[in-house]
Structure formats: structure tokens, C-alpha cells
C-alpha atoms as a PDB file:
ATOM      1  CA  UNK A   1       0.011  -0.081   0.163  1.00  0.00           C
ATOM      2  CA  UNK A   2       1.103   3.250  -1.009  1.00  0.00           C
ATOM      3  CA  UNK A   3       1.104   6.041   1.598  1.00  0.00           C
ATOM      4  CA  UNK A   4       0.590  10.067   0.684  1.00  0.00           C
ATOM      5  CA  UNK A   5       3.713  11.077   3.505  1.00  0.00           C
ATOM      6  CA  UNK A   6       6.016   8.169   4.402  1.00  0.00           C
ATOM      7  CA  UNK A   7       7.416   8.555   7.533  1.00  0.00           C
ATOM      8  CA  UNK A   8      10.276   6.695   7.804  1.00  0.00           C
ATOM      9  CA  UNK A   9      12.596   6.245   4.325  1.00  0.00           C
ATOM     10  CA  UNK A  10      13.074   2.299   4.300  1.00  0.00           C
ATOM     11  CA  UNK A  11      16.120   0.376   4.128  1.00  0.00           C
ATOM     12  CA  UNK A  12      18.960   2.890   3.458  1.00  0.00           C
ATOM     13  CA  UNK A  13      21.793   1.469   3.864  1.00  0.00           C
ATOM     14  CA  UNK A  14      22.333   3.120   7.259  1.00  0.00           C
ATOM     15  CA  UNK A  15      22.383   1.249  10.240  1.00  0.00           C
ATOM     16  CA  UNK A  16      20.986   2.894  13.594  1.00  0.00           C
ATOM     17  CA  UNK A  17      21.030   2.681  17.472  1.00  0.00           C
ATOM     18  CA  UNK A  18      17.834   1.934  19.486  1.00  0.00           C
ATOM     19  CA  UNK A  19      17.999   5.876  19.710  1.00  0.00           C
ATOM     20  CA  UNK A  20      17.289   6.004  16.049  1.00  0.00           C
ATOM     21  CA  UNK A  21      20.832   7.976  15.799  1.00  0.00           C
ATOM     22  CA  UNK A  22      22.802   7.441  12.366  1.00  0.00           C
ATOM     23  CA  UNK A  23      25.759   5.107  12.639  1.00  0.00           C
ATOM     24  CA  UNK A  24      27.362   3.590   9.957  1.00  0.00           C
ATOM     25  CA  UNK A  25      26.256   3.356   5.923  1.00  0.00           C
ATOM     26  CA  UNK A  26      26.473   0.093   5.109  1.00  0.00           C
ATOM     27  CA  UNK A  27      26.694   0.012   1.337  1.00  0.00           C
ATOM     28  CA  UNK A  28      25.857  -4.150   0.538  1.00  0.00           C
ATOM     29  CA  UNK A  29      22.576  -2.925   2.192  1.00  0.00           C
ATOM     30  CA  UNK A  30      22.058   0.024   0.134  1.00  0.00           C
ATOM     31  CA  UNK A  31      22.535  -2.185  -3.231  1.00  0.00           C
ATOM     32  CA  UNK A  32      21.282  -5.412  -2.072  1.00  0.00           C
ATOM     33  CA  UNK A  33      18.165  -3.781  -1.204  1.00  0.00           C
ATOM     34  CA  UNK A  34      14.867  -1.682  -2.301  1.00  0.00           C
ATOM     35  CA  UNK A  35      13.973   2.069  -0.597  1.00  0.00           C
ATOM     36  CA  UNK A  36      14.062   5.772  -0.885  1.00  0.00           C
ATOM     37  CA  UNK A  37      14.992   6.069  -5.142  1.00  0.00           C
ATOM     38  CA  UNK A  38      15.919   2.432  -5.516  1.00  0.00           C
ATOM     39  CA  UNK A  39      13.570  -0.200  -6.938  1.00  0.00           C
ATOM     40  CA  UNK A  40      13.932  -4.069  -7.025  1.00  0.00           C
ATOM     41  CA  UNK A  41      12.999  -5.703 -10.335  1.00  0.00           C
ATOM     42  CA  UNK A  42      12.941  -9.316 -11.919  1.00  0.00           C
ATOM     43  CA  UNK A  43      13.483  -9.570 -15.839  1.00  0.00           C
ATOM     44  CA  UNK A  44      12.942 -12.347 -17.835  1.00  0.00           C
ATOM     45  CA  UNK A  45      15.108 -13.774 -20.546  1.00  0.00           C
ATOM     46  CA  UNK A  46      15.459 -11.549 -23.582  1.00  0.00           C
ATOM     47  CA  UNK A  47      13.356  -8.915 -22.227  1.00  0.00           C
ATOM     48  CA  UNK A  48      15.063  -4.960 -22.682  1.00  0.00           C
ATOM     49  CA  UNK A  49      16.272  -3.170 -19.664  1.00  0.00           C
ATOM     50  CA  UNK A  50      16.816  -0.305 -21.691  1.00  0.00           C
ATOM     51  CA  UNK A  51      17.278   0.957 -25.069  1.00  0.00           C
ATOM     52  CA  UNK A  52      19.628   2.860 -27.141  1.00  0.00           C
ATOM     53  CA  UNK A  53      18.915   6.917 -26.952  1.00  0.00           C
ATOM     54  CA  UNK A  54      16.523   6.046 -24.068  1.00  0.00           C
ATOM     55  CA  UNK A  55      16.223   8.853 -21.582  1.00  0.00           C
ATOM     56  CA  UNK A  56      19.192   7.889 -18.930  1.00  0.00           C
ATOM     57  CA  UNK A  57      17.435   7.864 -15.670  1.00  0.00           C
ATOM     58  CA  UNK A  58      18.777   5.263 -13.582  1.00  0.00           C
ATOM     59  CA  UNK A  59      22.055   3.458 -12.845  1.00  0.00           C
ATOM     60  CA  UNK A  60      21.458  -0.503 -12.773  1.00  0.00           C
ATOM     61  CA  UNK A  61      23.200  -2.740 -10.596  1.00  0.00           C
ATOM     62  CA  UNK A  62      22.566  -6.554 -10.936  1.00  0.00           C
ATOM     63  CA  UNK A  63      21.612  -8.833  -8.496  1.00  0.00           C
ATOM     64  CA  UNK A  64      20.968 -11.871 -10.550  1.00  0.00           C
ATOM     65  CA  UNK A  65      21.329 -12.852 -14.114  1.00  0.00           C
ATOM     66  CA  UNK A  66      23.392 -11.704 -17.197  1.00  0.00           C
ATOM     67  CA  UNK A  67      22.722  -8.511 -19.193  1.00  0.00           C
ATOM     68  CA  UNK A  68      24.189  -7.786 -22.855  1.00  0.00           C
ATOM     69  CA  UNK A  69      24.796  -4.635 -23.732  1.00  0.00           C
ATOM     70  CA  UNK A  70      24.740  -3.822 -27.855  1.00  0.00           C
ATOM     71  CA  UNK A  71      24.977  -0.610 -29.843  1.00  0.00           C
ATOM     72  CA  UNK A  72      23.259  -0.273 -33.237  1.00  0.00           C
ATOM     73  CA  UNK A  73      25.603   1.916 -35.921  1.00  0.00           C
ATOM     74  CA  UNK A  74      23.615   4.606 -37.694  1.00  0.00           C
ATOM     75  CA  UNK A  75      23.942   2.212 -40.825  1.00  0.00           C
ATOM     76  CA  UNK A  76      22.037  -0.555 -38.828  1.00  0.00           C
ATOM     77  CA  UNK A  77      24.688  -2.942 -37.749  1.00  0.00           C
ATOM     78  CA  UNK A  78      24.442  -4.001 -34.549  1.00  0.00           C
ATOM     79  CA  UNK A  79      27.325  -5.470 -32.068  1.00  0.00           C
ATOM     80  CA  UNK A  80      27.454  -7.037 -28.475  1.00  0.00           C
ATOM     81  CA  UNK A  81      30.159  -4.736 -26.357  1.00  0.00           C
ATOM     82  CA  UNK A  82      29.814  -6.444 -23.216  1.00  0.00           C
ATOM     83  CA  UNK A  83      28.264  -9.398 -20.924  1.00  0.00           C
ATOM     84  CA  UNK A  84      27.182  -8.131 -17.473  1.00  0.00           C
ATOM     85  CA  UNK A  85      26.616 -10.257 -14.522  1.00  0.00           C
ATOM     86  CA  UNK A  86      26.054 -10.304 -10.646  1.00  0.00           C
ATOM     87  CA  UNK A  87      27.694  -7.487  -8.875  1.00  0.00           C
ATOM     88  CA  UNK A  88      27.825  -5.412 -12.054  1.00  0.00           C
ATOM     89  CA  UNK A  89      26.657  -1.609 -12.758  1.00  0.00           C
ATOM     90  CA  UNK A  90      25.633  -0.792 -16.327  1.00  0.00           C
ATOM     91  CA  UNK A  91      23.995   2.471 -17.304  1.00  0.00           C
ATOM     92  CA  UNK A  92      26.741   4.101 -15.292  1.00  0.00           C
ATOM     93  CA  UNK A  93      27.431   6.926 -17.721  1.00  0.00           C
ATOM     94  CA  UNK A  94      23.951   8.898 -16.401  1.00  0.00           C
ATOM     95  CA  UNK A  95      25.876  10.695 -13.754  1.00  0.00           C
ATOM     96  CA  UNK A  96      27.426  12.593 -16.453  1.00  0.00           C
ATOM     97  CA  UNK A  97      25.405  15.444 -17.189  1.00  0.00           C
ATOM     98  CA  UNK A  98      26.709  15.432 -20.671  1.00  0.00           C
ATOM     99  CA  UNK A  99      25.233  12.226 -21.279  1.00  0.00           C
ATOM    100  CA  UNK A 100      21.314  12.662 -21.144  1.00  0.00           C
ATOM    101  CA  UNK A 101      20.933   9.667 -23.052  1.00  0.00           C
ATOM    102  CA  UNK A 102      21.546   5.692 -22.808  1.00  0.00           C
ATOM    103  CA  UNK A 103      24.936   5.024 -25.374  1.00  0.00           C
ATOM    104  CA  UNK A 104      23.821   1.029 -26.044  1.00  0.00           C
ATOM    105  CA  UNK A 105      20.971  -1.487 -25.294  1.00  0.00           C
ATOM    106  CA  UNK A 106      20.836  -3.663 -22.174  1.00  0.00           C
ATOM    107  CA  UNK A 107      19.105  -6.895 -22.752  1.00  0.00           C
ATOM    108  CA  UNK A 108      18.818  -9.624 -20.133  1.00  0.00           C
ATOM    109  CA  UNK A 109      20.004 -13.219 -21.265  1.00  0.00           C
ATOM    110  CA  UNK A 110      18.621 -14.878 -18.611  1.00  0.00           C
ATOM    111  CA  UNK A 111      16.109 -14.515 -15.836  1.00  0.00           C
ATOM    112  CA  UNK A 112      17.292 -12.073 -12.684  1.00  0.00           C
ATOM    113  CA  UNK A 113      17.017  -9.435 -10.470  1.00  0.00           C
ATOM    114  CA  UNK A 114      17.836  -5.504 -11.302  1.00  0.00           C
ATOM    115  CA  UNK A 115      18.166  -2.717  -8.510  1.00  0.00           C
ATOM    116  CA  UNK A 116      17.361   0.390 -10.125  1.00  0.00           C
ATOM    117  CA  UNK A 117      18.772   3.231  -8.371  1.00  0.00           C
ATOM    118  CA  UNK A 118      17.234   6.804  -9.396  1.00  0.00           C
ATOM    119  CA  UNK A 119      20.032   9.128 -11.064  1.00  0.00           C
ATOM    120  CA  UNK A 120      19.861  11.789  -8.450  1.00  0.00           C
ATOM    121  CA  UNK A 121      19.486   9.531  -5.409  1.00  0.00           C
ATOM    122  CA  UNK A 122      22.906   8.024  -6.804  1.00  0.00           C
ATOM    123  CA  UNK A 123      24.110  11.255  -7.641  1.00  0.00           C
ATOM    124  CA  UNK A 124      23.372  11.729  -4.039  1.00  0.00           C
ATOM    125  CA  UNK A 125      24.810   8.986  -1.539  1.00  0.00           C
ATOM    126  CA  UNK A 126      28.358   8.881  -3.792  1.00  0.00           C
ATOM    127  CA  UNK A 127      28.606  12.293  -2.530  1.00  0.00           C
ATOM    128  CA  UNK A 128      28.094  11.743   1.079  1.00  0.00           C
ATOM    129  CA  UNK A 129      28.977   8.020   1.866  1.00  0.00           C
ATOM    130  CA  UNK A 130      32.625   7.412   0.643  1.00  0.00           C
ATOM    131  CA  UNK A 131      32.080   3.281   1.762  1.00  0.00           C
ATOM    132  CA  UNK A 132      29.898   3.576  -1.741  1.00  0.00           C
ATOM    133  CA  UNK A 133      31.723   6.103  -3.716  1.00  0.00           C
ATOM    134  CA  UNK A 134      35.003   3.863  -3.022  1.00  0.00           C
ATOM    135  CA  UNK A 135      32.802   0.435  -4.586  1.00  0.00           C
ATOM    136  CA  UNK A 136      31.524   2.346  -7.640  1.00  0.00           C
ATOM    137  CA  UNK A 137      34.939   4.144  -8.127  1.00  0.00           C
ATOM    138  CA  UNK A 138      36.790   0.837  -8.257  1.00  0.00           C
ATOM    139  CA  UNK A 139      34.227  -0.543 -10.175  1.00  0.00           C
ATOM    140  CA  UNK A 140      34.690   2.230 -13.008  1.00  0.00           C
ATOM    141  CA  UNK A 141      38.572   1.624 -12.537  1.00  0.00           C
ATOM    142  CA  UNK A 142      38.156  -2.272 -13.303  1.00  0.00           C
ATOM    143  CA  UNK A 143      35.794  -1.893 -16.569  1.00  0.00           C
ATOM    144  CA  UNK A 144      38.332   0.584 -18.102  1.00  0.00           C
ATOM    145  CA  UNK A 145      40.817  -1.691 -17.574  1.00  0.00           C
ATOM    146  CA  UNK A 146      38.269  -4.065 -19.010  1.00  0.00           C
ATOM    147  CA  UNK A 147      37.953  -2.089 -22.403  1.00  0.00           C
ATOM    148  CA  UNK A 148      41.583  -1.391 -22.641  1.00  0.00           C
ATOM    149  CA  UNK A 149      42.357  -4.920 -22.388  1.00  0.00           C
ATOM    150  CA  UNK A 150      40.198  -5.992 -25.139  1.00  0.00           C
ATOM    151  CA  UNK A 151      41.339  -3.291 -27.445  1.00  0.00           C
ATOM    152  CA  UNK A 152      44.852  -5.074 -26.951  1.00  0.00           C
ATOM    153  CA  UNK A 153      43.227  -8.764 -27.282  1.00  0.00           C
ATOM    154  CA  UNK A 154      41.568  -7.311 -30.706  1.00  0.00           C
ATOM    155  CA  UNK A 155      44.627  -6.355 -32.440  1.00  0.00           C
ATOM    156  CA  UNK A 156      46.994  -9.005 -30.954  1.00  0.00           C
ATOM    157  CA  UNK A 157      45.746 -12.266 -30.097  1.00  0.00           C
ATOM    158  CA  UNK A 158      44.199 -14.903 -32.381  1.00  0.00           C
ATOM    159  CA  UNK A 159      40.442 -15.589 -32.675  1.00  0.00           C
ATOM    160  CA  UNK A 160      41.439 -18.239 -31.069  1.00  0.00           C
ATOM    161  CA  UNK A 161      42.861 -16.889 -27.901  1.00  0.00           C
ATOM    162  CA  UNK A 162      40.291 -13.990 -27.532  1.00  0.00           C
ATOM    163  CA  UNK A 163      36.974 -16.799 -27.782  1.00  0.00           C
ATOM    164  CA  UNK A 164      38.860 -18.397 -24.492  1.00  0.00           C
ATOM    165  CA  UNK A 165      39.586 -15.172 -22.832  1.00  0.00           C
ATOM    166  CA  UNK A 166      35.761 -14.159 -23.249  1.00  0.00           C
ATOM    167  CA  UNK A 167      34.821 -17.408 -21.915  1.00  0.00           C
ATOM    168  CA  UNK A 168      37.205 -17.396 -19.054  1.00  0.00           C
ATOM    169  CA  UNK A 169      35.486 -14.031 -18.330  1.00  0.00           C
ATOM    170  CA  UNK A 170      32.013 -15.175 -18.759  1.00  0.00           C
ATOM    171  CA  UNK A 171      33.019 -18.050 -16.300  1.00  0.00           C
ATOM    172  CA  UNK A 172      34.015 -15.213 -13.817  1.00  0.00           C
ATOM    173  CA  UNK A 173      37.548 -16.472 -13.728  1.00  0.00           C
ATOM    174  CA  UNK A 174      40.104 -15.090 -10.960  1.00  0.00           C
ATOM    175  CA  UNK A 175      36.629 -13.770  -9.047  1.00  0.00           C
ATOM    176  CA  UNK A 176      35.880 -15.253  -5.635  1.00  0.00           C
ATOM    177  CA  UNK A 177      34.392 -18.999  -5.731  1.00  0.00           C
ATOM    178  CA  UNK A 178      34.661 -21.372  -8.309  1.00  0.00           C
ATOM    179  CA  UNK A 179      36.539 -20.901 -11.325  1.00  0.00           C
ATOM    180  CA  UNK A 180      34.825 -24.226 -13.118  1.00  0.00           C
ATOM    181  CA  UNK A 181      31.806 -22.338 -13.705  1.00  0.00           C
ATOM    182  CA  UNK A 182      28.338 -22.915 -16.070  1.00  0.00           C
ATOM    183  CA  UNK A 183      27.741 -20.183 -18.453  1.00  0.00           C
ATOM    184  CA  UNK A 184      24.056 -19.139 -19.229  1.00  0.00           C
ATOM    185  CA  UNK A 185      23.329 -20.479 -22.338  1.00  0.00           C
ATOM    186  CA  UNK A 186      24.920 -17.606 -25.062  1.00  0.00           C
ATOM    187  CA  UNK A 187      24.680 -18.141 -28.679  1.00  0.00           C
ATOM    188  CA  UNK A 188      27.886 -18.708 -30.950  1.00  0.00           C
ATOM    189  CA  UNK A 189      26.479 -15.117 -32.922  1.00  0.00           C
ATOM    190  CA  UNK A 190      27.021 -13.031 -29.859  1.00  0.00           C
ATOM    191  CA  UNK A 191      30.299 -14.562 -29.228  1.00  0.00           C
ATOM    192  CA  UNK A 192      31.737 -14.275 -32.567  1.00  0.00           C
ATOM    193  CA  UNK A 193      30.354 -10.361 -32.688  1.00  0.00           C
ATOM    194  CA  UNK A 194      32.358  -9.636 -29.268  1.00  0.00           C
ATOM    195  CA  UNK A 195      35.682 -11.430 -30.936  1.00  0.00           C
ATOM    196  CA  UNK A 196      35.632  -9.965 -34.236  1.00  0.00           C
ATOM    197  CA  UNK A 197      35.035 -13.499 -36.042  1.00  0.00           C
ATOM    198  CA  UNK A 198      32.771 -15.576 -37.596  1.00  0.00           C
ATOM    199  CA  UNK A 199      30.116 -18.273 -36.585  1.00  0.00           C
ATOM    200  CA  UNK A 200      31.601 -20.757 -38.059  1.00  0.00           C
ATOM    201  CA  UNK A 201      35.167 -20.168 -36.710  1.00  0.00           C
ATOM    202  CA  UNK A 202      33.458 -20.293 -33.188  1.00  0.00           C
ATOM    203  CA  UNK A 203      31.828 -22.710 -33.820  1.00  0.00           C
ATOM    204  CA  UNK A 204      35.436 -24.636 -34.809  1.00  0.00           C
ATOM    205  CA  UNK A 205      36.995 -23.136 -31.925  1.00  0.00           C
ATOM    206  CA  UNK A 206      34.186 -24.616 -29.575  1.00  0.00           C
ATOM    207  CA  UNK A 207      34.649 -27.854 -31.021  1.00  0.00           C
ATOM    208  CA  UNK A 208      38.310 -27.897 -30.284  1.00  0.00           C
ATOM    209  CA  UNK A 209      37.967 -27.078 -26.872  1.00  0.00           C
ATOM    210  CA  UNK A 210      35.474 -29.760 -26.061  1.00  0.00           C
ATOM    211  CA  UNK A 211      37.515 -31.892 -27.741  1.00  0.00           C
ATOM    212  CA  UNK A 212      40.765 -31.142 -25.394  1.00  0.00           C
ATOM    213  CA  UNK A 213      38.515 -31.329 -22.641  1.00  0.00           C
ATOM    214  CA  UNK A 214      38.843 -27.364 -21.699  1.00  0.00           C
ATOM    215  CA  UNK A 215      34.869 -26.882 -21.717  1.00  0.00           C
ATOM    216  CA  UNK A 216      31.910 -29.078 -21.571  1.00  0.00           C
ATOM    217  CA  UNK A 217      28.568 -27.957 -23.034  1.00  0.00           C
ATOM    218  CA  UNK A 218      25.058 -29.812 -23.715  1.00  0.00           C
ATOM    219  CA  UNK A 219      22.126 -27.296 -23.273  1.00  0.00           C
ATOM    220  CA  UNK A 220      24.753 -25.470 -20.972  1.00  0.00           C
ATOM    221  CA  UNK A 221      28.406 -24.347 -21.153  1.00  0.00           C
ATOM    222  CA  UNK A 222      31.009 -25.181 -18.105  1.00  0.00           C
ATOM    223  CA  UNK A 223      34.375 -23.972 -18.687  1.00  0.00           C
ATOM    224  CA  UNK A 224      37.083 -25.269 -16.878  1.00  0.00           C
ATOM    225  CA  UNK A 225      40.025 -23.350 -15.205  1.00  0.00           C
ATOM    226  CA  UNK A 226      42.587 -25.412 -17.925  1.00  0.00           C
ATOM    227  CA  UNK A 227      41.084 -23.629 -20.650  1.00  0.00           C
ATOM    228  CA  UNK A 228      43.818 -20.720 -19.566  1.00  0.00           C
ATOM    229  CA  UNK A 229      46.477 -22.748 -20.653  1.00  0.00           C
ATOM    230  CA  UNK A 230      44.904 -21.200 -24.516  1.00  0.00           C
ATOM    231  CA  UNK A 231      45.140 -17.799 -23.357  1.00  0.00           C
ATOM    232  CA  UNK A 232      48.762 -17.942 -21.652  1.00  0.00           C
ATOM    233  CA  UNK A 233      50.696 -19.830 -24.493  1.00  0.00           C
ATOM    234  CA  UNK A 234      52.263 -18.645 -26.840  1.00  0.00           C
END
């Protein structure tokens, strides 16, 4: 039920004492709970989260699922530029005043859950709470590094190495938890777009990786840490 006036903002990510005094801001609670300026939404596979040139009004934080970012050129050519998962932000460019429109289309690749953070609320909390701004800046720096690595990968590595690297990134290799991860179903067309080659080449390398025991796929895709040898081998 909605009320005309809210007596107390719920779940602001701020812990309070029994006397109601403000204590430590909890960035994890802020990112995992709904509250003032924050809404949790469920998405279905293939659902559009936002479209290119839509008004940029919110930052999105992924609770669960995988989201694909694509761009379309003026000539109508589409390209996949990123696949993002749990713990990632997207649409963060909206906090830059010079970017009022979305630069890409975000599409859910599997059923999931997202936190939509109103642009003004995100700006307010980033200014006031260093704990969240530290997390956000760290994420932006890691994304920037990833973009640079992608460029180097495209310029200097073979399509086989590029595919192996993308699969390892999708499996969240090097992050906390199991490094032999089942990846949500992803088409070979999308993989081909991301590494800049043809679907036929992707199919050839995927079959080769499977025969070598580096991956397993039969409806789902499991990546083994041994695939790293393809990336490291000269």
C-alpha cells in the first residue's frame, strides 16, 4: 500500500542505534535492498532493460542474471560490446550531465533481478557516503581496464585466444568462488560479435576446446580453468 507521506524512508543502507541516531552506512545493504530512490525489478530472458537513446535516468546494479550490452550504428549494424553479471553496474554513464541518453541497449540474457537506482539518488549517495563511492570508483576503474584489455586483445591476439579469454571472463575466472562455472546459454553468433570473427570460426574453436576437455557443453556451458592455458600459450 502506498501512503501520501512516508514517515520513515525504508532500507537506506544506514544502520541506526536504538535511539535512532545515524551510525555506519552499509553499502552492501544499499545495493541489495529497495528503498528511497531504489527499486528491485525482476526481468525475464530477452527482456529489454533499456534501449539505446532512451533517457538515462537510473543506474542499474545486477543482483542476479546476465545482461548483454549492444550498440547499433547509424547504418543499422549491431555489435555486442559487453556481457555483465552479478555485482556489475550498467548505465552508470547517466551520472554524467553531458550524457542524457543511453549509449547502448541492455538486454537480459536470462531471468534475473536488478536494482534500479534513481540518477539523483545515486549522485547524492556518492557525494555523501565514501564507502559506496569507493566501491563505485573501483568498479569504474576495473571496467576501464577491461576495455583497454579488450582493445589489446583485438589488436594482437588470435581469434582462438580471444574466444578463450571471453569464455574465462564469462565464467568469472579469477573472482571469488568456483572457477569452473556453468555459463548461461549464449549463442555462437554473440560470441562471434564479441571477438570479431565468424560464427563458423567460433564453432570450430568451441568443438576443439571440447575435444581437449577444456570446456563442456550440452545445453549449458561449463568452462574449466585449464582453458587458461590457451590464453597463456604463445
